[in-house]
Amino acid sequence: MQSLIAQVNATDPSVAWLLSCVAISIVVLFAMIIFARIHAFLALIFVSMLLALLSGMDLLSIGGSIQKGMGNSLGFIATVVGLGAIFGKILEASGGAEAIAHSLIKTFGESRATWALTVTGFLISIPVFLDVGLVLVAPLLFALARDAKRSVLYFAFPLLAGMVVTHACIPPTPGPIAVAELLQAELGLVILFGVIVGLPTSILCGPFLGVWLAKTIDPADLRQVDDLLGSEHVNDLRSTTTAPPAFGLILLIIGLPLLLMVGGSVIDSMRRSEAHDLVIQLGGAVTPSQAAIQEACKNPELFFNAGMWKLFSFLGHPFVSLLIATFAAWYVLGIQRGFSAADLMDLSTASLAPAGVIILVTGAGGVFKTVLSDSGAAQAMAKTLVDLDLPLLVLAYVISAMIRLIQGSATVAMITSAGLLAGIITGLPDPVSANEMALIVLAIAFGGSVGSHLNDSGFWLVSRYLGMSERQTFRTWTVLTTAISVIGFGLTYLIGEFV
């Protein structure tokens, strides 16, 4: 800390003042959210305006910066989050989550049910929010606990471990989508690295740590939750009149947008790499400009001809891939399973209510990012970062973890951190590679997952549905989310050393 103060004192006075303005803004942001209980959307807009005023921005330009930041962020986020919300709601209503859980448990066997539930959580949390996923699968957890005569925590923690990891780091969940957009990271690479890091993190924290934590709580000490869930929820789900959709079909529909986005990013990277080499071979600059590479991409001599490359890039765009998956779910899981057009309209409308909050908070995070840049504060932070020689991945994780612990919401922590990091990155002298940018997204995501406690709605949801006291929830759920955060970031940092 003393070295940081010394660095700031040694900088130009204007740089020191701008850093002070950022610090004041962050303190005010926390105070508004935590103590004044003001919604994150309002708090972020107010703090952005406060930063603009403190930093000396021209009064006539402040409104334009706010408008620009909101518009630039929402142009992408509103579309993707909206499509993802409808997609997830249709999957939820069709019984897709239960289908995945039942099929995997049947395949793995009851003796390895914890592994099956970890995979279940990893899959269903891609299109479905974590809290919704827990509510959907809670009946299965209680049925398994009753039949196996084990604590419900024995089955719940592996499921939750998979869900937390996916919810944090694999699009199209809102958090990583928003962070990737604010940082201009390639979604395909975020998904690819998210799966590479997420799977081992889920396994370590699910069937191993999660099961061990469950054994530390005596089942007799858990509260009875039948009155909260309703007696019908603890019945075996196989007794429902409508058979759930086939596991393979659900897997295909969930995997379709992910495969399209990853495929589009991989092919685009391959073509750009070949175009880069082609520009150099033709006598261009050692470090060609993006415009030169873009022009060279049109060359039909490359691995993929221009028409095929454009087609794959088009299909891999998040708008296109999610729209395809949403219509596939709409028809296969909706119309073909007896839902009327009116039913699907109601489901779509219901899904967009929570999505609207996420969209607005993300837009406000974009406003903060833009004001950081327009005020010069981002450049000041970048200069200090370069002087301190602090790795971007470490900085991203620490900032996100601090915000998460202080104010509770993982999504707000991720978006606020991304706004800060985006401003810093734009001020760095050297560009950040696409791989490193994707890993920064994961570092922010895992930082935003740390230490769920009393100020997090997820803490209370887990406590309520699993019958734990606050003390028991601290001893298990808080420990589990912290382990997921630390292990996930550790693997992310390790990959960063090699790519």
Protein backbone atom coordinates (compact mmCIF):
# COMPACT_ATOMS: atom_id res chain seq x y z
CA MET A 1 0.00 0.00 0.00
CA GLN A 2 2.82 2.40 0.86
CA SER A 3 4.47 1.74 -2.50
CA LEU A 4 1.19 2.59 -4.26
CA ILE A 5 0.90 5.87 -2.33
CA ALA A 6 4.51 6.67 -3.17
CA GLN A 7 3.85 5.99 -6.86
CA VAL A 8 0.80 8.26 -6.85
CA ASN A 9 2.65 11.05 -5.03
CA ALA A 10 5.46 10.84 -7.56
CA THR A 11 3.16 11.25 -10.54
CA ASP A 12 1.97 14.42 -12.18
CA PRO A 13 -0.48 16.30 -9.91
CA SER A 14 -3.26 15.94 -12.46
CA VAL A 15 -2.75 12.17 -12.52
CA ALA A 16 -2.86 12.00 -8.72
CA TRP A 17 -6.07 14.08 -8.70
CA LEU A 18 -7.73 11.88 -11.30
CA LEU A 19 -6.86 8.76 -9.30
CA SER A 20 -8.33 10.43 -6.23
CA CYS A 21 -11.51 11.18 -8.18
CA VAL A 22 -11.83 7.52 -9.12
CA ALA A 23 -11.31 6.45 -5.49
CA ILE A 24 -13.93 8.93 -4.28
CA SER A 25 -16.38 7.72 -6.92
CA ILE A 26 -15.94 4.06 -5.95
CA VAL A 27 -16.41 4.83 -2.25
CA VAL A 28 -19.59 6.77 -3.03
CA LEU A 29 -20.81 3.90 -5.24
CA PHE A 30 -20.37 1.38 -2.44
CA ALA A 31 -22.03 3.68 0.10
CA MET A 32 -25.05 4.24 -2.14
CA ILE A 33 -25.57 0.54 -2.81
CA ILE A 34 -24.76 -0.88 0.63
CA PHE A 35 -25.91 1.74 3.12
CA ALA A 36 -28.42 3.89 1.24
CA ARG A 37 -29.84 0.80 -0.54
CA ILE A 38 -30.05 2.66 -3.85
CA HIS A 39 -30.40 0.47 -6.96
CA ALA A 40 -27.14 -0.23 -8.78
CA PHE A 41 -28.47 1.37 -11.98
CA LEU A 42 -29.12 4.72 -10.30
CA ALA A 43 -25.91 4.52 -8.27
CA LEU A 44 -23.72 3.89 -11.33
CA ILE A 45 -25.29 6.75 -13.30
CA PHE A 46 -24.89 9.15 -10.36
CA VAL A 47 -21.28 8.12 -9.70
CA SER A 48 -20.43 8.48 -13.40
CA MET A 49 -21.76 12.04 -13.31
CA LEU A 50 -19.90 12.72 -10.04
CA LEU A 51 -16.63 11.50 -11.57
CA ALA A 52 -17.19 13.69 -14.62
CA LEU A 53 -17.73 16.77 -12.43
CA LEU A 54 -14.81 16.07 -10.07
CA SER A 55 -12.41 15.45 -12.94
CA GLY A 56 -13.28 18.77 -14.57
CA MET A 57 -15.07 17.56 -17.69
CA ASP A 58 -16.86 20.24 -19.68
CA LEU A 59 -20.43 20.51 -18.41
CA LEU A 60 -21.87 20.43 -21.91
CA SER A 61 -20.07 17.17 -22.75
CA ILE A 62 -21.15 15.15 -19.69
CA GLY A 63 -24.61 14.34 -21.04
CA GLY A 64 -23.11 13.25 -24.34
CA SER A 65 -20.67 10.89 -22.61
CA ILE A 66 -23.48 9.30 -20.61
CA GLN A 67 -25.57 8.83 -23.74
CA LYS A 68 -22.62 7.42 -25.68
CA GLY A 69 -21.72 4.98 -22.90
CA MET A 70 -25.28 3.74 -22.52
CA GLY A 71 -25.83 3.40 -26.27
CA ASN A 72 -22.55 1.64 -27.01
CA SER A 73 -23.15 -0.92 -24.27
CA LEU A 74 -26.80 -1.68 -24.87
CA GLY A 75 -26.55 -2.08 -28.63
CA PHE A 76 -25.06 -5.52 -28.03
CA ILE A 77 -26.11 -6.45 -24.50
CA ALA A 78 -29.83 -5.81 -24.84
CA THR A 79 -30.09 -8.15 -27.84
CA VAL A 80 -28.00 -10.98 -26.42
CA VAL A 81 -29.45 -10.94 -22.90
CA GLY A 82 -32.99 -10.71 -24.29
CA LEU A 83 -32.50 -13.69 -26.60
CA GLY A 84 -30.74 -15.67 -23.87
CA ALA A 85 -33.55 -14.99 -21.39
CA ILE A 86 -36.27 -16.23 -23.77
CA PHE A 87 -34.17 -19.27 -24.69
CA GLY A 88 -33.66 -20.16 -21.03
CA LYS A 89 -37.31 -19.65 -20.12
CA ILE A 90 -38.51 -22.03 -22.83
CA LEU A 91 -35.96 -24.62 -21.71
CA GLU A 92 -37.15 -24.20 -18.12
CA ALA A 93 -40.85 -24.56 -18.99
CA SER A 94 -40.29 -27.63 -21.17
CA GLY A 95 -38.70 -29.62 -18.34
CA GLY A 96 -35.28 -29.59 -19.94
CA ALA A 97 -33.40 -29.16 -16.66
CA GLU A 98 -35.08 -32.19 -15.12
CA ALA A 99 -34.43 -34.19 -18.30
CA ILE A 100 -30.70 -33.50 -18.06
CA ALA A 101 -30.57 -34.39 -14.37
CA HIS A 102 -32.54 -37.63 -14.73
CA SER A 103 -30.61 -38.80 -17.80
CA LEU A 104 -27.20 -38.14 -16.26
CA ILE A 105 -28.10 -39.79 -12.94
CA LYS A 106 -29.43 -42.80 -14.83
CA THR A 107 -26.21 -42.97 -16.87
CA PHE A 108 -23.79 -42.42 -13.99
CA GLY A 109 -25.76 -44.47 -11.45
CA GLU A 110 -26.82 -43.45 -7.95
CA SER A 111 -23.36 -44.24 -6.55
CA ARG A 112 -21.89 -41.53 -8.77
CA ALA A 113 -24.86 -39.18 -8.57
CA THR A 114 -22.66 -36.35 -7.30
CA TRP A 115 -20.68 -36.41 -10.54
CA ALA A 116 -23.91 -36.46 -12.55
CA LEU A 117 -25.28 -33.50 -10.62
CA THR A 118 -22.08 -31.49 -11.14
CA VAL A 119 -22.39 -32.01 -14.89
CA THR A 120 -26.12 -31.21 -14.65
CA GLY A 121 -25.38 -27.91 -12.93
CA PHE A 122 -22.67 -27.11 -15.46
CA LEU A 123 -25.08 -27.64 -18.37
CA ILE A 124 -28.36 -26.16 -17.15
CA SER A 125 -26.80 -22.94 -15.86
CA ILE A 126 -25.67 -22.00 -19.39
CA PRO A 127 -29.13 -20.81 -20.49
CA VAL A 128 -30.89 -20.72 -17.07
CA PHE A 129 -30.16 -18.35 -14.15
CA LEU A 130 -28.61 -20.02 -11.09
CA ASP A 131 -31.53 -19.30 -8.75
CA VAL A 132 -34.03 -20.63 -11.31
CA GLY A 133 -31.93 -23.74 -11.87
CA LEU A 134 -31.82 -24.53 -8.15
CA VAL A 135 -35.58 -24.14 -7.81
CA LEU A 136 -36.14 -26.40 -10.82
CA VAL A 137 -33.89 -29.21 -9.62
CA ALA A 138 -34.67 -28.93 -5.88
CA PRO A 139 -37.41 -31.61 -6.10
CA LEU A 140 -34.92 -34.06 -7.60
CA LEU A 141 -32.39 -33.30 -4.84
CA PHE A 142 -34.94 -34.10 -2.13
CA ALA A 143 -36.08 -37.26 -3.92
CA LEU A 144 -32.46 -38.47 -4.16
CA ALA A 145 -31.78 -37.63 -0.52
CA ARG A 146 -34.90 -39.52 0.57
CA ASP A 147 -34.16 -42.61 -1.52
CA ALA A 148 -30.43 -42.74 -0.66
CA LYS A 149 -31.06 -41.79 3.00
CA ARG A 150 -28.42 -39.06 2.79
CA SER A 151 -28.31 -35.37 3.55
CA VAL A 152 -29.76 -33.20 0.78
CA LEU A 153 -26.51 -31.19 0.95
CA TYR A 154 -24.63 -34.27 -0.30
CA PHE A 155 -26.42 -33.88 -3.65
CA ALA A 156 -27.00 -30.13 -3.64
CA PHE A 157 -23.42 -28.85 -3.32
CA PRO A 158 -22.07 -30.72 -6.38
CA LEU A 159 -25.02 -29.37 -8.39
CA LEU A 160 -24.42 -25.83 -7.13
CA ALA A 161 -20.69 -26.03 -7.84
CA GLY A 162 -21.36 -26.74 -11.52
CA MET A 163 -23.99 -24.01 -11.66
CA VAL A 164 -21.81 -21.32 -10.05
CA VAL A 165 -18.93 -21.98 -12.44
CA THR A 166 -21.06 -21.87 -15.57
CA HIS A 167 -23.10 -18.91 -14.36
CA ALA A 168 -19.87 -16.96 -13.85
CA CYS A 169 -17.79 -17.74 -16.90
CA ILE A 170 -19.69 -19.24 -19.84
CA PRO A 171 -21.91 -17.07 -22.07
CA PRO A 172 -24.79 -16.59 -22.75
CA THR A 173 -25.27 -16.02 -19.01
CA PRO A 174 -25.50 -12.24 -18.47
CA GLY A 175 -22.34 -11.68 -16.40
CA PRO A 176 -19.69 -12.92 -18.85
CA ILE A 177 -21.68 -11.56 -21.81
CA ALA A 178 -21.64 -8.07 -20.28
CA VAL A 179 -17.97 -8.23 -19.30
CA ALA A 180 -16.94 -9.52 -22.72
CA GLU A 181 -18.80 -6.68 -24.43
CA LEU A 182 -17.38 -3.97 -22.17
CA LEU A 183 -13.85 -5.31 -22.75
CA GLN A 184 -14.47 -6.07 -26.45
CA ALA A 185 -13.37 -9.68 -25.91
CA GLU A 186 -14.19 -12.45 -28.38
CA LEU A 187 -17.11 -14.49 -27.02
CA GLY A 188 -15.91 -17.66 -28.71
CA LEU A 189 -12.59 -17.49 -26.87
CA VAL A 190 -14.36 -16.69 -23.59
CA ILE A 191 -16.52 -19.81 -24.03
CA LEU A 192 -13.52 -21.95 -25.01
CA PHE A 193 -11.35 -20.88 -22.09
CA GLY A 194 -14.39 -20.93 -19.80
CA VAL A 195 -14.99 -24.61 -20.53
CA ILE A 196 -11.27 -25.45 -20.20
CA VAL A 197 -11.08 -23.74 -16.80
CA GLY A 198 -14.64 -24.41 -15.67
CA LEU A 199 -14.78 -28.19 -15.97
CA PRO A 200 -11.84 -28.99 -13.66
CA THR A 201 -12.97 -26.27 -11.25
CA SER A 202 -16.46 -27.81 -11.09
CA ILE A 203 -15.04 -31.29 -10.55
CA LEU A 204 -12.67 -30.21 -7.76
CA CYS A 205 -15.35 -28.18 -6.01
CA GLY A 206 -18.31 -30.48 -6.66
CA PRO A 207 -17.80 -34.23 -6.13
CA PHE A 208 -14.80 -33.58 -3.86
CA LEU A 209 -15.02 -30.35 -1.84
CA GLY A 210 -18.82 -30.12 -2.05
CA VAL A 211 -19.32 -33.66 -0.75
CA TRP A 212 -16.81 -33.08 2.05
CA LEU A 213 -18.56 -29.87 3.12
CA ALA A 214 -21.91 -31.69 3.13
CA LYS A 215 -20.51 -34.27 5.55
CA THR A 216 -19.58 -31.54 8.04
CA ILE A 217 -23.29 -30.77 8.64
CA ASP A 218 -25.42 -33.32 10.48
CA PRO A 219 -28.65 -33.86 8.48
CA ALA A 220 -30.58 -33.76 11.76
CA ASP A 221 -29.45 -30.14 12.22
CA LEU A 222 -31.07 -28.97 8.97
CA ARG A 223 -34.40 -27.18 9.10
CA GLN A 224 -37.45 -28.93 7.66
CA VAL A 225 -38.24 -27.31 4.32
CA ASP A 226 -41.32 -29.23 3.16
CA ASP A 227 -43.50 -26.33 4.24
CA LEU A 228 -41.44 -23.95 2.12
CA LEU A 229 -41.31 -26.06 -1.01
CA GLY A 230 -44.75 -27.59 -0.84
CA SER A 231 -45.26 -31.33 -0.44
CA GLU A 232 -45.68 -31.85 -4.18
CA HIS A 233 -42.09 -30.77 -4.77
CA VAL A 234 -40.57 -33.70 -2.94
CA ASN A 235 -42.33 -36.29 -5.07
CA ASP A 236 -40.36 -38.21 -7.64
CA LEU A 237 -40.41 -36.19 -10.86
CA ARG A 238 -40.92 -39.32 -12.90
CA SER A 239 -44.54 -39.31 -11.79
CA THR A 240 -45.35 -36.23 -13.91
CA THR A 241 -47.83 -36.84 -16.71
CA THR A 242 -45.75 -35.34 -19.51
CA ALA A 243 -42.47 -37.08 -20.24
CA PRO A 244 -39.50 -34.68 -20.23
CA PRO A 245 -37.72 -34.01 -23.53
CA ALA A 246 -34.90 -36.30 -24.60
CA PHE A 247 -31.49 -35.63 -23.09
CA GLY A 248 -29.73 -35.62 -26.46
CA LEU A 249 -32.18 -33.08 -27.83
CA ILE A 250 -31.66 -30.72 -24.88
CA LEU A 251 -27.89 -31.10 -25.15
CA LEU A 252 -28.03 -30.29 -28.86
CA ILE A 253 -30.14 -27.16 -28.35
CA ILE A 254 -27.95 -25.87 -25.50
CA GLY A 255 -24.74 -26.68 -27.36
CA LEU A 256 -25.82 -25.22 -30.70
CA PRO A 257 -25.16 -21.52 -29.96
CA LEU A 258 -21.95 -22.36 -28.09
CA LEU A 259 -20.58 -24.39 -30.99
CA LEU A 260 -21.50 -21.70 -33.50
CA MET A 261 -19.85 -18.93 -31.45
CA VAL A 262 -16.70 -20.94 -30.73
CA GLY A 263 -16.48 -22.12 -34.35
CA GLY A 264 -16.89 -18.58 -35.66
CA SER A 265 -14.15 -17.26 -33.38
CA VAL A 266 -11.72 -20.08 -34.20
CA ILE A 267 -12.18 -19.75 -37.97
CA ASP A 268 -11.98 -15.96 -37.76
CA SER A 269 -8.74 -16.20 -35.78
CA MET A 270 -7.26 -18.67 -38.27
CA ARG A 271 -8.10 -16.45 -41.23
CA ARG A 272 -6.81 -13.32 -39.54
CA SER A 273 -3.56 -15.09 -38.65
CA GLU A 274 -3.09 -16.14 -42.28
CA ALA A 275 -3.99 -12.64 -43.45
CA HIS A 276 -1.42 -11.20 -41.02
CA ASP A 277 1.30 -13.43 -42.50
CA LEU A 278 0.18 -12.58 -46.04
CA VAL A 279 0.50 -8.83 -45.43
CA ILE A 280 4.06 -9.32 -44.12
CA GLN A 281 4.99 -11.55 -47.10
CA LEU A 282 3.77 -8.88 -49.51
CA GLY A 283 6.12 -6.35 -47.98
CA GLY A 284 3.79 -4.78 -45.43
CA ALA A 285 4.70 -3.57 -41.96
CA VAL A 286 6.15 -5.98 -39.41
CA THR A 287 3.09 -5.22 -37.30
CA PRO A 288 0.30 -4.73 -39.86
CA SER A 289 -2.63 -2.48 -39.06
CA GLN A 290 -6.07 -3.94 -38.45
CA ALA A 291 -7.26 -2.29 -41.65
CA ALA A 292 -4.54 -4.06 -43.66
CA ILE A 293 -5.39 -7.41 -42.10
CA GLN A 294 -9.10 -6.85 -42.74
CA GLU A 295 -8.41 -6.10 -46.40
CA ALA A 296 -6.16 -9.16 -46.72
CA CYS A 297 -8.92 -11.35 -45.27
CA LYS A 298 -10.81 -10.85 -48.54
CA ASN A 299 -8.08 -12.72 -50.42
CA PRO A 300 -9.56 -16.01 -51.75
CA GLU A 301 -6.13 -17.69 -51.57
CA LEU A 302 -6.39 -18.09 -47.82
CA PHE A 303 -7.42 -21.30 -46.03
CA PHE A 304 -11.11 -20.40 -46.20
CA ASN A 305 -12.28 -18.39 -49.17
CA ALA A 306 -13.89 -15.05 -48.46
CA GLY A 307 -17.45 -16.31 -48.94
CA MET A 308 -17.06 -19.25 -46.55
CA TRP A 309 -15.28 -17.08 -43.99
CA LYS A 310 -18.09 -14.53 -44.05
CA LEU A 311 -20.69 -17.29 -43.68
CA PHE A 312 -18.98 -18.83 -40.64
CA SER A 313 -18.42 -15.40 -39.09
CA PHE A 314 -22.10 -14.59 -39.66
CA LEU A 315 -23.34 -17.83 -38.08
CA GLY A 316 -20.92 -17.43 -35.19
CA HIS A 317 -22.10 -13.95 -34.28
CA PRO A 318 -23.93 -14.09 -30.90
CA PHE A 319 -27.04 -12.45 -32.37
CA VAL A 320 -27.36 -15.08 -35.09
CA SER A 321 -26.37 -18.14 -33.05
CA LEU A 322 -28.70 -17.26 -30.16
CA LEU A 323 -31.56 -16.43 -32.52
CA ILE A 324 -31.16 -19.83 -34.22
CA ALA A 325 -31.09 -21.61 -30.84
CA THR A 326 -34.08 -19.64 -29.52
CA PHE A 327 -36.23 -20.47 -32.54
CA ALA A 328 -35.11 -24.11 -32.32
CA ALA A 329 -36.20 -24.18 -28.66
CA TRP A 330 -39.41 -22.30 -29.51
CA TYR A 331 -40.43 -24.93 -32.06
CA VAL A 332 -38.95 -28.19 -30.71
CA LEU A 333 -39.48 -27.60 -26.97
CA GLY A 334 -42.52 -25.38 -27.36
CA ILE A 335 -44.81 -26.02 -30.33
CA GLN A 336 -44.00 -29.72 -30.68
CA ARG A 337 -44.60 -30.30 -26.94
CA GLY A 338 -48.07 -28.78 -26.95
CA PHE A 339 -47.42 -25.16 -26.04
CA SER A 340 -49.66 -22.72 -27.86
CA ALA A 341 -48.39 -19.54 -29.46
CA ALA A 342 -50.06 -17.60 -26.64
CA ASP A 343 -48.25 -19.72 -24.03
CA LEU A 344 -44.90 -19.04 -25.67
CA MET A 345 -45.71 -15.34 -25.89
CA ASP A 346 -46.41 -15.28 -22.14
CA LEU A 347 -43.19 -17.17 -21.41
CA SER A 348 -41.18 -14.75 -23.53
CA THR A 349 -42.75 -11.74 -21.82
CA ALA A 350 -42.12 -13.18 -18.35
CA SER A 351 -38.48 -13.91 -19.18
CA LEU A 352 -37.74 -10.32 -20.19
CA ALA A 353 -38.69 -8.77 -16.82
CA PRO A 354 -35.51 -9.85 -14.94
CA ALA A 355 -33.47 -9.38 -18.12
CA GLY A 356 -34.47 -5.71 -18.19
CA VAL A 357 -32.76 -5.06 -14.85
CA ILE A 358 -29.55 -6.72 -16.03
CA ILE A 359 -29.60 -4.74 -19.26
CA LEU A 360 -29.97 -1.40 -17.45
CA VAL A 361 -27.23 -2.17 -14.92
CA THR A 362 -24.94 -3.22 -17.75
CA GLY A 363 -25.69 -0.02 -19.63
CA ALA A 364 -24.88 2.00 -16.51
CA GLY A 365 -21.58 0.11 -16.27
CA GLY A 366 -20.89 1.18 -19.84
CA VAL A 367 -21.58 4.79 -18.85
CA PHE A 368 -19.02 4.54 -16.04
CA LYS A 369 -16.50 3.08 -18.47
CA THR A 370 -17.04 5.91 -20.97
CA VAL A 371 -16.76 8.66 -18.36
CA LEU A 372 -13.55 7.07 -17.07
CA SER A 373 -12.12 7.35 -20.56
CA ASP A 374 -13.50 10.78 -21.48
CA SER A 375 -12.37 12.34 -18.19
CA GLY A 376 -8.79 11.08 -18.53
CA ALA A 377 -9.11 8.97 -15.36
CA ALA A 378 -8.64 5.74 -17.32
CA GLN A 379 -5.37 6.96 -18.77
CA ALA A 380 -4.20 7.99 -15.28
CA MET A 381 -5.00 4.52 -13.91
CA ALA A 382 -3.25 2.90 -16.87
CA LYS A 383 -0.12 4.99 -16.26
CA THR A 384 -0.07 4.00 -12.58
CA LEU A 385 -0.61 0.34 -13.48
CA VAL A 386 2.30 0.39 -15.92
CA ASP A 387 4.51 2.00 -13.25
CA LEU A 388 3.52 -0.63 -10.68
CA ASP A 389 4.00 -3.49 -13.18
CA LEU A 390 0.95 -5.32 -11.76
CA PRO A 391 -0.37 -8.15 -14.01
CA LEU A 392 -3.72 -7.35 -15.56
CA LEU A 393 -5.17 -10.73 -14.58
CA VAL A 394 -4.33 -10.18 -10.92
CA LEU A 395 -5.70 -6.63 -10.99
CA ALA A 396 -8.93 -7.80 -12.65
CA TYR A 397 -9.46 -10.54 -10.07
CA VAL A 398 -8.70 -8.38 -7.03
CA ILE A 399 -10.94 -5.49 -8.12
CA SER A 400 -13.86 -7.80 -8.91
CA ALA A 401 -13.45 -9.78 -5.67
CA MET A 402 -13.36 -6.62 -3.55
CA ILE A 403 -16.50 -5.22 -5.16
CA ARG A 404 -18.29 -8.56 -4.80
CA LEU A 405 -17.46 -8.89 -1.10
CA ILE A 406 -18.51 -5.34 -0.35
CA GLN A 407 -21.80 -5.07 -2.23
CA GLY A 408 -22.89 -8.68 -2.78
CA SER A 409 -24.13 -8.93 -6.36
CA ALA A 410 -21.85 -10.95 -8.64
CA THR A 411 -23.29 -9.34 -11.77
CA VAL A 412 -22.81 -5.78 -10.46
CA ALA A 413 -19.27 -6.66 -9.32
CA MET A 414 -18.39 -8.04 -12.74
CA ILE A 415 -19.88 -5.13 -14.68
CA THR A 416 -18.33 -2.46 -12.46
CA SER A 417 -14.92 -4.17 -12.63
CA ALA A 418 -15.16 -4.51 -16.38
CA GLY A 419 -15.90 -0.79 -16.70
CA LEU A 420 -12.81 0.03 -14.67
CA LEU A 421 -10.59 -2.46 -16.51
CA ALA A 422 -11.83 -1.38 -19.94
CA GLY A 423 -10.78 2.17 -19.15
CA ILE A 424 -7.36 1.03 -17.94
CA ILE A 425 -6.77 -1.21 -20.96
CA THR A 426 -7.56 1.54 -23.46
CA GLY A 427 -4.83 3.65 -21.84
CA LEU A 428 -2.10 1.00 -22.00
CA PRO A 429 0.75 1.62 -24.47
CA ASP A 430 0.66 -1.94 -25.84
CA PRO A 431 -2.47 -3.71 -27.14
CA VAL A 432 -3.86 -6.69 -25.22
CA SER A 433 -4.09 -9.92 -27.22
CA ALA A 434 -7.43 -11.62 -27.87
CA ASN A 435 -6.44 -14.60 -25.70
CA GLU A 436 -5.39 -12.39 -22.78
CA MET A 437 -8.60 -10.36 -23.06
CA ALA A 438 -10.69 -13.53 -22.82
CA LEU A 439 -8.72 -14.60 -19.75
CA ILE A 440 -9.27 -11.17 -18.17
CA VAL A 441 -13.02 -11.77 -18.59
CA LEU A 442 -12.64 -15.05 -16.66
CA ALA A 443 -10.52 -13.40 -13.95
CA ILE A 444 -13.26 -10.83 -13.41
CA ALA A 445 -15.91 -13.57 -13.45
CA PHE A 446 -14.18 -15.68 -10.82
CA GLY A 447 -13.44 -12.61 -8.72
CA GLY A 448 -17.14 -11.78 -8.78
CA SER A 449 -17.97 -15.28 -7.51
CA VAL A 450 -15.96 -15.16 -4.29
CA GLY A 451 -17.37 -15.37 -0.76
CA SER A 452 -21.15 -15.31 -1.09
CA HIS A 453 -22.45 -14.02 2.25
CA LEU A 454 -25.23 -12.00 3.90
CA ASN A 455 -25.41 -9.27 1.25
CA ASP A 456 -25.91 -11.77 -1.59
CA SER A 457 -29.40 -12.97 -2.53
CA GLY A 458 -27.90 -16.32 -3.52
CA PHE A 459 -26.78 -16.86 0.08
CA TRP A 460 -30.35 -16.61 1.32
CA LEU A 461 -31.75 -18.70 -1.53
CA VAL A 462 -29.38 -21.58 -0.76
CA SER A 463 -30.04 -21.26 2.96
CA ARG A 464 -33.82 -21.30 2.41
CA TYR A 465 -34.03 -24.18 -0.04
CA LEU A 466 -31.52 -26.44 1.71
CA GLY A 467 -32.77 -25.83 5.25
CA MET A 468 -29.50 -24.42 6.64
CA SER A 469 -29.05 -21.78 9.31
CA GLU A 470 -26.98 -18.69 8.52
CA ARG A 471 -24.02 -20.16 10.41
CA GLN A 472 -24.22 -23.44 8.48
CA THR A 473 -24.52 -21.55 5.19
CA PHE A 474 -21.35 -19.60 6.03
CA ARG A 475 -19.49 -22.82 6.86
CA THR A 476 -20.47 -24.49 3.59
CA TRP A 477 -21.83 -22.27 0.82
CA THR A 478 -19.49 -19.33 1.50
CA VAL A 479 -16.51 -21.69 1.63
CA LEU A 480 -17.63 -23.41 -1.58
CA THR A 481 -17.98 -20.16 -3.56
CA THR A 482 -14.61 -18.94 -2.27
CA ALA A 483 -12.93 -22.18 -3.34
CA ILE A 484 -14.54 -21.95 -6.80
CA SER A 485 -13.27 -18.38 -7.11
CA VAL A 486 -9.69 -19.14 -6.03
CA ILE A 487 -9.29 -22.39 -7.98
CA GLY A 488 -10.92 -20.92 -11.10
CA PHE A 489 -8.66 -17.88 -11.03
CA GLY A 490 -5.60 -20.03 -10.33
CA LEU A 491 -6.26 -22.13 -13.43
CA THR A 492 -6.99 -18.98 -15.45
CA TYR A 493 -3.69 -17.44 -14.40
CA LEU A 494 -1.86 -20.71 -15.19
CA ILE A 495 -3.30 -20.75 -18.72
CA GLY A 496 -2.29 -17.09 -19.08
CA GLU A 497 1.32 -18.10 -18.58
CA PHE A 498 1.24 -20.27 -21.70
CA VAL A 499 -0.99 -18.43 -24.21
